């Protein structure tokens, strides 16, 4: 469970691996292991070539390593075949088929044909990664749009400016920043064209904004806990303290993490890294990552406690009211549905799941949809579906509509004035 939690906090909560199931790191490890094993096989092939050197008059195709198999000496004009490998770096292949390669009449090799060496895994991992990544992109894009509109509404209408909505606005703002940084980091991972200092800066900002997202979820939970359970009034809760918790504490945590990684020389340890990790070594897992993972886990745990205590008080009050039992359950279910995305409990719901088979793929898709739509859910529940926001916008729209109608009536009156154009000019002169 701890390893699963570390994986999720790293890949989802902190956005270091946007592709579900650690696929980026799995592919990089695969390449690294592939290079090591193939280097040994290549040496064996070269040894065979030098042990029995070919004479200048021998027209046979020479021993050749094509990065996967060592092809033997083959007479010209002949099709060489080798059995497909049973397994390659943990991936099963159809060993009943053959790979083939044609030796031309001039003693040179054609390209190797591995089309029959099919990967027997189902479903295809590459397509699963593409689908999962697309789900994340769509979800984060929708969340970004709705969050920007929601924050604009809270900032524009003065009637909505209160402590509760200020907390909501800050939480939505962290979602906006975290989603933007996720998209930027994913583009950087795909391009592999970012220099190390830029990557470290972007990666640090990504961690910071995701951590602020968790801490503002904690502020939301603390605010509801004090109001509902402790029956505090809103006047006893200061926005300044919320700002320190939501923005200040994550900055302190990320600063400690960055200093620790810098002192450990992580940014210079690129010799044994491959692909993305060479371009951005801070993305590789490190024990110091617990500096930011542990606070996120603690926040989630505390918010779960807040959720249970708030729901207990709510259900108790509903039972004491003179409501039909069905209505009580409906209200409690609605409250639970609204609180889950606000407190970040969705992260715990998809913390661990199946890792193999078709069920694992379905779980991966579901997790991508739930996590990428967190910001969308918060914007819907606490802005667009909020009665206070709807009444405020309806009131302003009504005032604007009335003012527009009055302006139209005034223009209508001026156009149909009984005074002639000459009289109008004389009156204004």
Protein backbone atom coordinates (compact mmCIF):
# COMPACT_ATOMS: atom_id res chain seq x y z
CA UNK A 1 0.00 0.00 0.00
CA UNK A 2 2.85 2.40 0.80
CA UNK A 3 4.48 1.84 -2.58
CA UNK A 4 1.14 2.30 -4.35
CA UNK A 5 0.54 5.49 -2.40
CA UNK A 6 3.99 6.79 -3.29
CA UNK A 7 3.32 6.01 -6.94
CA UNK A 8 -0.02 7.80 -6.99
CA UNK A 9 1.20 10.82 -5.05
CA UNK A 10 4.13 11.12 -7.45
CA UNK A 11 2.20 10.56 -10.67
CA UNK A 12 -1.18 12.07 -9.90
CA UNK A 13 -1.05 14.36 -6.94
CA UNK A 14 2.30 15.88 -7.92
CA UNK A 15 2.00 15.34 -11.62
CA UNK A 16 5.49 13.97 -12.20
CA UNK A 17 4.18 11.14 -14.38
CA UNK A 18 0.99 12.12 -16.12
CA UNK A 19 0.74 8.83 -18.00
CA UNK A 20 -1.22 6.42 -15.87
CA UNK A 21 0.44 3.45 -14.18
CA UNK A 22 4.01 4.92 -14.27
CA UNK A 23 4.21 4.17 -18.00
CA UNK A 24 6.86 6.82 -18.63
CA UNK A 25 9.21 5.28 -16.05
CA UNK A 26 8.38 1.75 -17.18
CA UNK A 27 9.30 2.59 -20.76
CA UNK A 28 12.54 4.24 -19.66
CA UNK A 29 13.47 1.25 -17.49
CA UNK A 30 12.62 -1.02 -20.41
CA UNK A 31 14.98 0.87 -22.68
CA UNK A 32 17.74 0.81 -20.07
CA UNK A 33 17.45 -2.95 -19.53
CA UNK A 34 17.19 -3.49 -23.27
CA UNK A 35 20.45 -1.66 -23.84
CA UNK A 36 22.28 -3.76 -21.23
CA UNK A 37 21.06 -7.16 -22.44
CA UNK A 38 21.50 -6.34 -26.11
CA UNK A 39 25.01 -5.05 -25.51
CA UNK A 40 25.98 -8.52 -24.23
CA UNK A 41 24.38 -10.24 -27.21
CA UNK A 42 26.08 -7.86 -29.59
CA UNK A 43 29.49 -8.71 -28.11
CA UNK A 44 28.79 -12.41 -28.65
CA UNK A 45 27.90 -11.76 -32.27
CA UNK A 46 31.06 -9.74 -32.85
CA UNK A 47 33.11 -12.50 -31.21
CA UNK A 48 31.71 -15.06 -33.67
CA UNK A 49 32.58 -12.78 -36.54
CA UNK A 50 36.21 -12.35 -35.46
CA UNK A 51 36.82 -15.96 -34.40
CA UNK A 52 36.06 -17.21 -37.91
CA UNK A 53 36.92 -14.37 -40.30
CA UNK A 54 35.50 -14.54 -43.80
CA UNK A 55 37.82 -14.71 -46.82
CA UNK A 56 37.67 -11.92 -49.42
CA UNK A 57 36.25 -14.38 -51.97
CA UNK A 58 33.44 -15.54 -49.69
CA UNK A 59 30.20 -13.95 -50.95
CA UNK A 60 28.15 -15.05 -47.99
CA UNK A 61 26.48 -12.41 -45.84
CA UNK A 62 28.55 -11.82 -42.71
CA UNK A 63 27.51 -12.30 -39.08
CA UNK A 64 25.41 -9.25 -38.29
CA UNK A 65 23.78 -7.82 -35.19
CA UNK A 66 20.59 -5.86 -35.99
CA UNK A 67 19.95 -4.68 -32.41
CA UNK A 68 17.73 -7.70 -31.65
CA UNK A 69 19.22 -10.89 -33.09
CA UNK A 70 22.57 -12.13 -34.36
CA UNK A 71 22.17 -13.29 -37.94
CA UNK A 72 24.53 -16.09 -39.03
CA UNK A 73 26.57 -16.29 -42.22
CA UNK A 74 24.15 -16.96 -45.04
CA UNK A 75 24.73 -17.87 -48.70
CA UNK A 76 23.85 -15.14 -51.20
CA UNK A 77 20.35 -15.20 -52.63
CA UNK A 78 19.03 -17.00 -49.56
CA UNK A 79 16.36 -16.11 -47.01
CA UNK A 80 17.68 -16.54 -43.47
CA UNK A 81 15.19 -17.31 -40.71
CA UNK A 82 15.52 -17.30 -36.92
CA UNK A 83 12.88 -18.24 -34.33
CA UNK A 84 11.14 -15.35 -32.65
CA UNK A 85 12.15 -14.87 -29.04
CA UNK A 86 9.83 -16.26 -26.34
CA UNK A 87 10.25 -13.24 -24.11
CA UNK A 88 12.03 -9.93 -24.31
CA UNK A 89 12.37 -7.86 -21.14
CA UNK A 90 9.25 -9.32 -19.62
CA UNK A 91 7.19 -9.03 -22.80
CA UNK A 92 5.83 -12.26 -24.26
CA UNK A 93 6.14 -12.91 -28.00
CA UNK A 94 4.79 -15.56 -30.36
CA UNK A 95 7.72 -18.03 -30.49
CA UNK A 96 6.01 -20.27 -33.06
CA UNK A 97 6.80 -17.72 -35.79
CA UNK A 98 10.11 -16.76 -37.40
CA UNK A 99 11.96 -13.57 -38.11
CA UNK A 100 13.46 -13.39 -41.60
CA UNK A 101 16.19 -11.53 -43.44
CA UNK A 102 17.23 -11.74 -47.09
CA UNK A 103 20.87 -12.10 -48.14
CA UNK A 104 21.36 -10.35 -51.47
CA UNK A 105 23.48 -11.78 -54.30
CA UNK A 106 26.25 -9.26 -53.59
CA UNK A 107 26.60 -10.53 -50.01
CA UNK A 108 24.76 -7.71 -48.24
CA UNK A 109 21.83 -7.96 -45.85
CA UNK A 110 18.36 -6.52 -46.33
CA UNK A 111 16.30 -5.13 -43.48
CA UNK A 112 15.17 -7.64 -40.86
CA UNK A 113 11.52 -8.65 -40.93
CA UNK A 114 10.00 -9.06 -37.46
CA UNK A 115 6.39 -8.66 -38.55
CA UNK A 116 5.52 -12.22 -37.49
CA UNK A 117 7.05 -11.78 -34.02
CA UNK A 118 3.86 -10.41 -32.56
CA UNK A 119 3.46 -9.21 -29.00
CA UNK A 120 0.98 -11.64 -27.44
CA UNK A 121 -0.02 -9.27 -24.67
CA UNK A 122 -3.58 -8.00 -24.72
CA UNK A 123 -4.51 -5.24 -24.82
CA UNK A 124 -1.72 -3.26 -26.44
CA UNK A 125 0.14 -1.15 -23.88
CA UNK A 126 0.96 1.65 -26.28
CA UNK A 127 -2.67 2.20 -27.23
CA UNK A 128 -3.64 2.11 -23.55
CA UNK A 129 -1.10 4.83 -22.78
CA UNK A 130 -2.40 6.97 -25.63
CA UNK A 131 -6.01 6.59 -24.51
CA UNK A 132 -5.15 7.35 -20.88
CA UNK A 133 -3.11 10.42 -21.84
CA UNK A 134 -5.91 11.67 -24.08
CA UNK A 135 -8.40 11.28 -21.23
CA UNK A 136 -6.13 13.35 -18.99
CA UNK A 137 -5.73 16.06 -21.62
CA UNK A 138 -9.48 16.29 -22.26
CA UNK A 139 -10.28 16.30 -18.54
CA UNK A 140 -7.69 18.92 -17.66
CA UNK A 141 -8.74 21.11 -20.59
CA UNK A 142 -12.41 21.05 -19.55
CA UNK A 143 -11.41 21.71 -15.95
CA UNK A 144 -9.26 24.66 -17.00
CA UNK A 145 -12.07 26.29 -18.96
CA UNK A 146 -14.70 25.92 -16.24
CA UNK A 147 -12.28 26.94 -13.47
CA UNK A 148 -11.23 30.12 -15.26
CA UNK A 149 -14.89 31.07 -15.75
CA UNK A 150 -15.71 30.26 -12.12
CA UNK A 151 -12.80 32.29 -10.73
CA UNK A 152 -13.77 35.21 -12.98
CA UNK A 153 -17.31 35.10 -11.59
CA UNK A 154 -16.11 35.14 -7.98
CA UNK A 155 -13.73 38.02 -8.67
CA UNK A 156 -16.20 40.10 -10.70
CA UNK A 157 -19.25 40.09 -8.43
CA UNK A 158 -18.62 41.91 -5.16
CA UNK A 159 -21.66 40.31 -3.52
CA UNK A 160 -19.87 36.94 -3.64
CA UNK A 161 -16.79 38.13 -1.77
CA UNK A 162 -16.79 36.40 1.59
CA UNK A 163 -14.41 34.08 3.44
CA UNK A 164 -16.07 30.92 2.15
CA UNK A 165 -15.94 32.02 -1.48
CA UNK A 166 -12.42 33.39 -1.06
CA UNK A 167 -11.31 29.92 0.02
CA UNK A 168 -13.13 28.41 -2.96
CA UNK A 169 -11.43 30.91 -5.29
CA UNK A 170 -7.96 30.08 -3.98
CA UNK A 171 -8.63 26.35 -4.34
CA UNK A 172 -9.82 26.83 -7.92
CA UNK A 173 -6.79 28.99 -8.66
CA UNK A 174 -4.47 26.17 -7.51
CA UNK A 175 -6.33 23.80 -9.83
CA UNK A 176 -5.78 26.21 -12.73
CA UNK A 177 -2.05 26.52 -12.05
CA UNK A 178 -1.59 22.79 -11.42
CA UNK A 179 -3.47 21.84 -14.60
CA UNK A 180 -1.46 24.30 -16.69
CA UNK A 181 1.80 23.00 -15.27
CA UNK A 182 0.69 19.42 -15.90
CA UNK A 183 0.05 20.16 -19.56
CA UNK A 184 3.37 22.01 -19.85
CA UNK A 185 5.29 19.19 -18.17
CA UNK A 186 3.66 16.55 -20.35
CA UNK A 187 4.57 18.50 -23.49
CA UNK A 188 8.12 18.71 -22.16
CA UNK A 189 8.19 14.95 -21.55
CA UNK A 190 7.06 14.25 -25.09
CA UNK A 191 9.45 16.67 -26.81
CA UNK A 192 12.58 15.85 -24.76
CA UNK A 193 14.02 19.20 -25.91
CA UNK A 194 14.12 21.08 -22.61
CA UNK A 195 17.44 21.87 -20.96
CA UNK A 196 18.06 20.64 -17.42
CA UNK A 197 17.72 24.00 -15.54
CA UNK A 198 14.41 24.81 -17.27
CA UNK A 199 13.09 21.33 -16.59
CA UNK A 200 14.05 21.54 -12.91
CA UNK A 201 12.30 24.91 -12.59
CA UNK A 202 9.11 23.66 -14.29
CA UNK A 203 9.17 20.44 -12.31
CA UNK A 204 9.56 22.33 -9.01
CA UNK A 205 6.67 24.65 -9.87
CA UNK A 206 4.56 21.64 -10.77
CA UNK A 207 5.19 20.08 -7.36
CA UNK A 208 4.52 23.38 -5.60
CA UNK A 209 1.18 24.04 -7.30
CA UNK A 210 -0.01 20.48 -6.72
CA UNK A 211 0.98 20.71 -3.08
CA UNK A 212 -0.86 24.04 -2.73
CA UNK A 213 -3.86 22.26 -4.19
CA UNK A 214 -3.73 19.68 -1.39
CA UNK A 215 -3.22 22.30 1.32
CA UNK A 216 -6.17 24.38 0.10
CA UNK A 217 -8.25 21.20 0.22
CA UNK A 218 -7.12 20.99 3.84
CA UNK A 219 -8.19 24.61 4.39
CA UNK A 220 -11.62 23.76 2.94
CA UNK A 221 -11.91 20.78 5.28
CA UNK A 222 -10.73 22.77 8.29
CA UNK A 223 -13.19 25.56 7.53
CA UNK A 224 -16.14 23.15 7.28
CA UNK A 225 -15.00 21.28 10.39
CA UNK A 226 -14.87 24.47 12.46
CA UNK A 227 -18.27 25.64 11.20
CA UNK A 228 -20.17 22.36 11.35
CA UNK A 229 -18.52 20.35 14.12
CA UNK A 230 -17.09 23.05 16.38
CA UNK A 231 -19.88 25.53 15.48
CA UNK A 232 -17.45 28.41 15.08
CA UNK A 233 -18.61 31.55 13.32
CA UNK A 234 -16.96 32.74 10.15
CA UNK A 235 -15.64 35.82 11.97
CA UNK A 236 -13.36 33.63 14.09
CA UNK A 237 -11.56 32.30 11.00
CA UNK A 238 -9.07 34.68 9.39
CA UNK A 239 -8.25 34.68 5.69
CA UNK A 240 -4.64 35.57 6.46
CA UNK A 241 -4.16 32.28 8.31
CA UNK A 242 -5.73 30.40 5.40
CA UNK A 243 -3.31 32.09 2.98
CA UNK A 244 -0.33 31.11 5.12
CA UNK A 245 -1.49 27.48 5.25
CA UNK A 246 -2.48 27.26 1.59
CA UNK A 247 0.43 29.08 -0.05
CA UNK A 248 3.14 29.44 2.60
CA UNK A 249 3.50 25.92 3.98
CA UNK A 250 3.79 24.27 0.52
CA UNK A 251 6.48 26.81 -0.40
CA UNK A 252 8.45 25.83 2.70
CA UNK A 253 8.08 22.11 1.93
CA UNK A 254 9.15 22.47 -1.71
CA UNK A 255 12.09 24.68 -0.70
CA UNK A 256 13.36 21.99 1.69
CA UNK A 257 12.89 19.33 -1.00
CA UNK A 258 14.70 21.38 -3.65
CA UNK A 259 17.61 22.17 -1.32
CA UNK A 260 17.93 18.50 -0.36
CA UNK A 261 17.97 17.40 -4.00
CA UNK A 262 20.49 20.08 -4.92
CA UNK A 263 22.83 19.13 -2.08
CA UNK A 264 22.51 15.47 -3.08
CA UNK A 265 23.70 16.36 -6.57
CA UNK A 266 20.69 14.82 -8.28
CA UNK A 267 20.84 17.29 -11.16
CA UNK A 268 24.34 16.13 -12.10
CA UNK A 269 23.72 12.39 -11.87
CA UNK A 270 22.83 11.83 -15.50
CA UNK A 271 25.39 9.26 -16.54
CA UNK A 272 23.24 6.18 -16.11
CA UNK A 273 19.96 7.83 -17.03
CA UNK A 274 18.18 7.39 -20.33
CA UNK A 275 15.66 9.37 -22.34
CA UNK A 276 13.59 11.77 -20.28
CA UNK A 277 15.55 11.29 -17.05
CA UNK A 278 18.76 12.48 -18.70
CA UNK A 279 17.01 15.68 -19.77
CA UNK A 280 15.31 16.11 -16.40
CA UNK A 281 17.03 14.04 -13.68
CA UNK A 282 14.77 15.44 -10.94
CA UNK A 283 11.93 13.40 -12.42
CA UNK A 284 13.64 10.16 -11.44
CA UNK A 285 12.38 8.70 -8.12
CA UNK A 286 14.46 9.60 -5.08
CA UNK A 287 14.04 9.05 -1.31
CA UNK A 288 13.97 12.83 -0.83
CA UNK A 289 10.66 12.88 -2.73
CA UNK A 290 9.01 11.92 0.55
CA UNK A 291 9.56 15.53 1.65
CA UNK A 292 6.53 16.53 -0.45
CA UNK A 293 4.76 13.17 -0.66
CA UNK A 294 4.35 12.80 3.10
CA UNK A 295 2.52 16.16 3.61
CA UNK A 296 0.14 15.32 0.75
CA UNK A 297 -0.65 11.93 2.30
CA UNK A 298 -1.18 13.51 5.72
CA UNK A 299 -3.54 16.12 4.25
CA UNK A 300 -5.60 13.42 2.55
CA UNK A 301 -5.81 11.45 5.80
CA UNK A 302 -6.90 14.49 7.82
CA UNK A 303 -9.50 15.43 5.21
CA UNK A 304 -10.97 11.92 5.38
CA UNK A 305 -11.36 12.40 9.14
CA UNK A 306 -12.98 15.79 8.54
CA UNK A 307 -15.37 14.19 6.04
CA UNK A 308 -16.50 11.49 8.46
CA UNK A 309 -17.03 13.98 11.31
CA UNK A 310 -18.92 16.45 9.11
CA UNK A 311 -21.14 13.71 7.67
CA UNK A 312 -21.82 12.35 11.17
CA UNK A 313 -23.02 15.76 12.39
CA UNK A 314 -25.05 16.27 9.21
CA UNK A 315 -26.76 12.88 9.41
CA UNK A 316 -27.49 13.41 13.11
CA UNK A 317 -29.16 16.74 12.38
CA UNK A 318 -31.14 15.25 9.50
CA UNK A 319 -32.45 12.47 11.72
CA UNK A 320 -33.55 14.94 14.36
CA UNK A 321 -35.48 16.94 11.77
CA UNK A 322 -39.05 16.12 10.80
CA UNK A 323 -38.16 14.89 7.34
CA UNK A 324 -39.10 11.72 5.56
CA UNK A 325 -36.36 9.10 5.80
CA UNK A 326 -35.93 9.01 2.03
CA UNK A 327 -35.34 12.76 1.96
CA UNK A 328 -32.77 12.41 4.72
CA UNK A 329 -30.77 9.86 2.76
CA UNK A 330 -31.06 11.97 -0.37
CA UNK A 331 -29.71 15.05 1.37
CA UNK A 332 -26.91 13.10 3.02
CA UNK A 333 -25.92 11.52 -0.29
CA UNK A 334 -25.94 14.90 -1.99
CA UNK A 335 -23.74 16.37 0.74
CA UNK A 336 -21.30 13.47 0.46
CA UNK A 337 -21.13 13.81 -3.32
CA UNK A 338 -20.38 17.51 -3.04
CA UNK A 339 -17.76 17.14 -0.30
CA UNK A 340 -15.73 14.35 -1.93
CA UNK A 341 -14.10 16.50 -4.68
CA UNK A 342 -13.79 19.51 -2.39
CA UNK A 343 -11.71 17.59 0.18
CA UNK A 344 -9.72 15.60 -2.38
CA UNK A 345 -11.10 12.24 -1.27
CA UNK A 346 -11.20 11.21 -4.93
CA UNK A 347 -7.45 10.64 -4.74
CA UNK A 348 -7.98 8.00 -2.06
CA UNK A 349 -10.82 6.34 -3.97
CA UNK A 350 -8.44 5.60 -6.87
CA UNK A 351 -5.30 5.10 -4.79
CA UNK A 352 -4.89 1.38 -5.47
CA UNK A 353 -6.36 -0.92 -8.07
CA UNK A 354 -5.66 -3.86 -10.38
CA UNK A 355 -2.41 -3.76 -12.31
CA UNK A 356 -2.92 -6.48 -14.93
CA UNK A 357 -5.53 -7.49 -17.45
CA UNK A 358 -8.52 -5.74 -18.93
CA UNK A 359 -9.77 -4.67 -15.50
CA UNK A 360 -6.54 -2.74 -14.95
CA UNK A 361 -7.10 -0.80 -18.16
CA UNK A 362 -10.67 0.06 -17.19
CA UNK A 363 -9.44 1.20 -13.77
CA UNK A 364 -6.74 3.29 -15.46
CA UNK A 365 -9.32 5.03 -17.65
CA UNK A 366 -11.64 5.63 -14.69
CA UNK A 367 -8.80 7.08 -12.63
CA UNK A 368 -7.81 9.41 -15.47
CA UNK A 369 -11.38 10.68 -15.80
CA UNK A 370 -11.91 11.17 -12.05
CA UNK A 371 -8.61 12.90 -11.33
CA UNK A 372 -8.53 15.16 -14.38
CA UNK A 373 -12.13 16.27 -13.74
CA UNK A 374 -11.52 17.24 -10.09
CA UNK A 375 -11.35 20.93 -10.97
CA UNK A 376 -14.44 20.61 -13.17
CA UNK A 377 -16.39 19.07 -10.28
CA UNK A 378 -15.36 21.82 -7.86
CA UNK A 379 -16.30 24.54 -10.35
CA UNK A 380 -19.70 22.95 -11.01
CA UNK A 381 -20.68 22.25 -7.41
CA UNK A 382 -19.38 25.44 -5.81
CA UNK A 383 -19.97 27.99 -8.56
CA UNK A 384 -22.31 27.10 -11.41
CA UNK A 385 -24.73 24.99 -9.33
CA UNK A 386 -24.46 27.21 -6.25
CA UNK A 387 -27.76 28.94 -5.46
CA UNK A 388 -26.04 32.09 -4.18
CA UNK A 389 -24.03 32.44 -7.39
CA UNK A 390 -27.07 31.76 -9.55
CA UNK A 391 -29.18 34.35 -7.70
CA UNK A 392 -26.40 36.94 -7.96
CA UNK A 393 -25.96 36.41 -11.69
CA UNK A 394 -29.71 36.37 -12.23
CA UNK A 395 -30.03 39.66 -10.33
CA UNK A 396 -27.28 41.34 -12.35
CA UNK A 397 -28.69 40.01 -15.59
CA UNK A 398 -32.10 41.37 -14.66
CA UNK A 399 -30.63 44.79 -13.89
CA UNK A 400 -28.69 44.78 -17.15
CA UNK A 401 -31.78 43.70 -19.09
CA UNK A 402 -33.91 46.43 -17.50
CA UNK A 403 -31.27 49.07 -18.18
CA UNK A 404 -31.02 47.90 -21.76
CA UNK A 405 -34.78 48.07 -22.19
CA UNK A 406 -34.87 51.56 -20.71
CA UNK A 407 -32.17 52.63 -23.12
CA UNK A 408 -34.15 51.17 -26.01
CA UNK A 409 -37.31 52.97 -24.90
CA UNK A 410 -35.40 56.23 -24.61
CA UNK A 411 -34.00 55.87 -28.12
CA UNK A 412 -37.48 54.97 -29.35
CA UNK A 413 -38.89 58.14 -27.77
CA UNK A 414 -36.16 60.35 -29.26
CA UNK A 415 -36.64 58.90 -32.73
CA UNK A 416 -40.38 59.60 -32.62
CA UNK A 417 -40.24 63.03 -30.99
CA UNK A 418 -42.96 65.38 -32.31
CA UNK A 419 -40.35 68.08 -32.72
CA UNK A 420 -38.92 68.50 -36.15
CA UNK A 421 -35.21 68.14 -36.85
CA UNK A 422 -34.93 71.94 -37.14
CA UNK A 423 -36.54 72.46 -33.73
CA UNK A 424 -34.20 69.94 -32.16
CA UNK A 425 -31.19 71.74 -33.54
CA UNK A 426 -32.48 75.08 -32.33
CA UNK A 427 -33.05 73.78 -28.83
CA UNK A 428 -29.51 72.39 -28.57
CA UNK A 429 -27.77 75.42 -30.03
